[in-house]
Amino acid sequence: MSEATSTVAELVKTFLLDAVGVKPELLDNPSLKLEDLGVDSLSAAEMLFEVEDKFGVNIEDVSALKSMTVSQVCFHFQQLVDARQIRIGIDGAADAPLGVAA
C-alpha cells in the first residue's frame, strides 16, 4: 500500500472512529456499508469535505457513499486523489521546457 493510499484510508477510518463513533473492529468488516455503521447524509458530507480539503479533489456524489463499504469508499477516494496527481504531473510537465523534468 502506498503512502498516499494509507493516508486516504487513515483519514477515512479516523473520521469514522472519531466523528461517527464506529467501533474499530467494524471498520474492516467487508460486508458493512457506511449506512450500516451509522453514517448519515450529514456525516458522509463531512467526511467528503475532509477528503476534498486534505487532498484537493472534487467529489460529486455524496449520496453514493452511504451504500459503499469502508474499503470501497477508500478505493473511490484514492482513485480521485491518484487522478488529480496524474493531472498535476501532466500539467506540470506541459509547463516545463523540453528536456527539463517537471
C-alpha atoms as a PDB file:
ATOM      1  CA  MET A   1       0.000   0.000   0.000  1.00  0.00           C
ATOM      2  CA  SER A   2       1.428   3.341  -0.989  1.00  0.00           C
ATOM      3  CA  GLU A   3       1.833   6.214   1.463  1.00  0.00           C
ATOM      4  CA  ALA A   4      -0.950   8.171  -0.260  1.00  0.00           C
ATOM      5  CA  THR A   5      -3.292   5.172  -0.123  1.00  0.00           C
ATOM      6  CA  SER A   6      -2.510   4.703   3.527  1.00  0.00           C
ATOM      7  CA  THR A   7      -3.180   8.375   4.171  1.00  0.00           C
ATOM      8  CA  VAL A   8      -6.572   8.338   2.429  1.00  0.00           C
ATOM      9  CA  ALA A   9      -7.586   5.161   4.245  1.00  0.00           C
ATOM     10  CA  GLU A  10      -6.323   6.526   7.561  1.00  0.00           C
ATOM     11  CA  LEU A  11      -8.276   9.753   7.093  1.00  0.00           C
ATOM     12  CA  VAL A  12     -11.494   7.865   6.322  1.00  0.00           C
ATOM     13  CA  LYS A  13     -11.057   5.410   9.197  1.00  0.00           C
ATOM     14  CA  THR A  14     -10.088   8.122  11.686  1.00  0.00           C
ATOM     15  CA  PHE A  15     -13.154  10.122  10.685  1.00  0.00           C
ATOM     16  CA  LEU A  16     -15.396   7.094  11.153  1.00  0.00           C
ATOM     17  CA  LEU A  17     -13.871   6.340  14.556  1.00  0.00           C
ATOM     18  CA  ASP A  18     -13.841   9.897  15.896  1.00  0.00           C
ATOM     19  CA  ALA A  19     -16.769  11.685  14.269  1.00  0.00           C
ATOM     20  CA  VAL A  20     -19.221   8.813  13.855  1.00  0.00           C
ATOM     21  CA  GLY A  21     -18.142   6.637  16.779  1.00  0.00           C
ATOM     22  CA  VAL A  22     -17.678   3.417  14.823  1.00  0.00           C
ATOM     23  CA  LYS A  23     -16.045   0.629  16.795  1.00  0.00           C
ATOM     24  CA  PRO A  24     -12.566  -0.185  15.405  1.00  0.00           C
ATOM     25  CA  GLU A  25     -13.345  -3.865  14.838  1.00  0.00           C
ATOM     26  CA  LEU A  26     -16.197  -2.940  12.486  1.00  0.00           C
ATOM     27  CA  LEU A  27     -14.027  -0.931  10.087  1.00  0.00           C
ATOM     28  CA  ASP A  28     -12.566  -3.995   8.388  1.00  0.00           C
ATOM     29  CA  ASN A  29     -15.845  -5.900   8.049  1.00  0.00           C
ATOM     30  CA  PRO A  30     -16.144  -6.271   4.259  1.00  0.00           C
ATOM     31  CA  SER A  31     -19.937  -6.610   4.278  1.00  0.00           C
ATOM     32  CA  LEU A  32     -20.859  -3.498   6.269  1.00  0.00           C
ATOM     33  CA  LYS A  33     -21.768  -0.405   4.300  1.00  0.00           C
ATOM     34  CA  LEU A  34     -21.291   3.091   5.706  1.00  0.00           C
ATOM     35  CA  GLU A  35     -25.003   3.369   6.439  1.00  0.00           C
ATOM     36  CA  ASP A  36     -24.745   0.118   8.464  1.00  0.00           C
ATOM     37  CA  LEU A  37     -22.031   1.826  10.516  1.00  0.00           C
ATOM     38  CA  GLY A  38     -24.309   4.759  11.351  1.00  0.00           C
ATOM     39  CA  VAL A  39     -23.097   7.184   8.698  1.00  0.00           C
ATOM     40  CA  ASP A  40     -25.941   9.514   7.760  1.00  0.00           C
ATOM     41  CA  SER A  41     -26.014  12.058   4.940  1.00  0.00           C
ATOM     42  CA  LEU A  42     -24.502  14.794   7.092  1.00  0.00           C
ATOM     43  CA  SER A  43     -21.636  12.567   8.278  1.00  0.00           C
ATOM     44  CA  ALA A  44     -20.971  11.411   4.715  1.00  0.00           C
ATOM     45  CA  ALA A  45     -20.826  15.037   3.561  1.00  0.00           C
ATOM     46  CA  GLU A  46     -18.464  15.982   6.397  1.00  0.00           C
ATOM     47  CA  MET A  47     -16.148  13.068   5.526  1.00  0.00           C
ATOM     48  CA  LEU A  48     -16.250  14.082   1.875  1.00  0.00           C
ATOM     49  CA  PHE A  49     -15.302  17.671   2.751  1.00  0.00           C
ATOM     50  CA  GLU A  50     -12.356  16.488   4.843  1.00  0.00           C
ATOM     51  CA  VAL A  51     -11.031  14.410   1.941  1.00  0.00           C
ATOM     52  CA  GLU A  52     -11.597  17.272  -0.505  1.00  0.00           C
ATOM     53  CA  ASP A  53      -9.799  19.733   1.776  1.00  0.00           C
ATOM     54  CA  LYS A  54      -6.836  17.484   2.522  1.00  0.00           C
ATOM     55  CA  PHE A  55      -6.256  16.122  -0.979  1.00  0.00           C
ATOM     56  CA  GLY A  56      -7.661  18.871  -3.224  1.00  0.00           C
ATOM     57  CA  VAL A  57     -10.113  16.625  -5.042  1.00  0.00           C
ATOM     58  CA  ASN A  58     -13.720  17.287  -6.010  1.00  0.00           C
ATOM     59  CA  ILE A  59     -16.170  14.554  -5.047  1.00  0.00           C
ATOM     60  CA  GLU A  60     -19.506  14.915  -6.787  1.00  0.00           C
ATOM     61  CA  ASP A  61     -21.918  12.327  -5.359  1.00  0.00           C
ATOM     62  CA  VAL A  62     -22.117  12.182  -1.571  1.00  0.00           C
ATOM     63  CA  SER A  63     -25.311  10.093  -1.663  1.00  0.00           C
ATOM     64  CA  ALA A  64     -23.493   7.127  -3.216  1.00  0.00           C
ATOM     65  CA  LEU A  65     -21.028   6.925  -0.316  1.00  0.00           C
ATOM     66  CA  LYS A  66     -23.535   5.573   2.195  1.00  0.00           C
ATOM     67  CA  SER A  67     -24.132   2.446   0.114  1.00  0.00           C
ATOM     68  CA  MET A  68     -20.384   1.674  -0.108  1.00  0.00           C
ATOM     69  CA  THR A  69     -18.229  -0.318   2.286  1.00  0.00           C
ATOM     70  CA  VAL A  70     -15.273   1.326   4.037  1.00  0.00           C
ATOM     71  CA  SER A  71     -12.827  -0.282   1.604  1.00  0.00           C
ATOM     72  CA  GLN A  72     -14.917   0.828  -1.400  1.00  0.00           C
ATOM     73  CA  VAL A  73     -15.001   4.420  -0.105  1.00  0.00           C
ATOM     74  CA  CYS A  74     -11.234   4.382   0.476  1.00  0.00           C
ATOM     75  CA  PHE A  75     -10.667   2.963  -3.020  1.00  0.00           C
ATOM     76  CA  HIS A  76     -13.006   5.532  -4.610  1.00  0.00           C
ATOM     77  CA  PHE A  77     -11.314   8.439  -2.841  1.00  0.00           C
ATOM     78  CA  GLN A  78      -7.869   7.084  -3.688  1.00  0.00           C
ATOM     79  CA  GLN A  79      -8.756   6.889  -7.387  1.00  0.00           C
ATOM     80  CA  LEU A  80      -9.729  10.558  -7.304  1.00  0.00           C
ATOM     81  CA  VAL A  81      -6.518  11.512  -5.494  1.00  0.00           C
ATOM     82  CA  ASP A  82      -4.396   9.491  -7.928  1.00  0.00           C
ATOM     83  CA  ALA A  83      -6.158  11.035 -10.936  1.00  0.00           C
ATOM     84  CA  ARG A  84      -5.524  14.508  -9.519  1.00  0.00           C
ATOM     85  CA  GLN A  85      -1.847  13.728  -9.008  1.00  0.00           C
ATOM     86  CA  ILE A  86      -1.562  12.480 -12.578  1.00  0.00           C
ATOM     87  CA  ARG A  87      -3.253  15.661 -13.884  1.00  0.00           C
ATOM     88  CA  ILE A  88      -0.863  17.798 -11.839  1.00  0.00           C
ATOM     89  CA  GLY A  89       2.085  15.816 -13.213  1.00  0.00           C
ATOM     90  CA  ILE A  90       0.879  16.189 -16.770  1.00  0.00           C
ATOM     91  CA  ASP A  91       0.115  19.882 -16.337  1.00  0.00           C
ATOM     92  CA  GLY A  92       3.486  20.463 -14.667  1.00  0.00           C
ATOM     93  CA  ALA A  93       5.296  18.604 -17.436  1.00  0.00           C
ATOM     94  CA  ALA A  94       3.476  20.659 -20.052  1.00  0.00           C
ATOM     95  CA  ASP A  95       4.708  23.871 -18.429  1.00  0.00           C
ATOM     96  CA  ALA A  96       8.341  22.737 -18.206  1.00  0.00           C
ATOM     97  CA  PRO A  97      10.749  23.453 -21.056  1.00  0.00           C
ATOM     98  CA  LEU A  98      11.636  20.478 -23.250  1.00  0.00           C
ATOM     99  CA  GLY A  99      14.244  18.250 -21.672  1.00  0.00           C
ATOM    100  CA  VAL A 100      13.567  19.550 -18.164  1.00  0.00           C
ATOM    101  CA  ALA A 101      11.727  17.352 -15.715  1.00  0.00           C
ATOM    102  CA  ALA A 102       8.751  18.978 -14.044  1.00  0.00           C
END
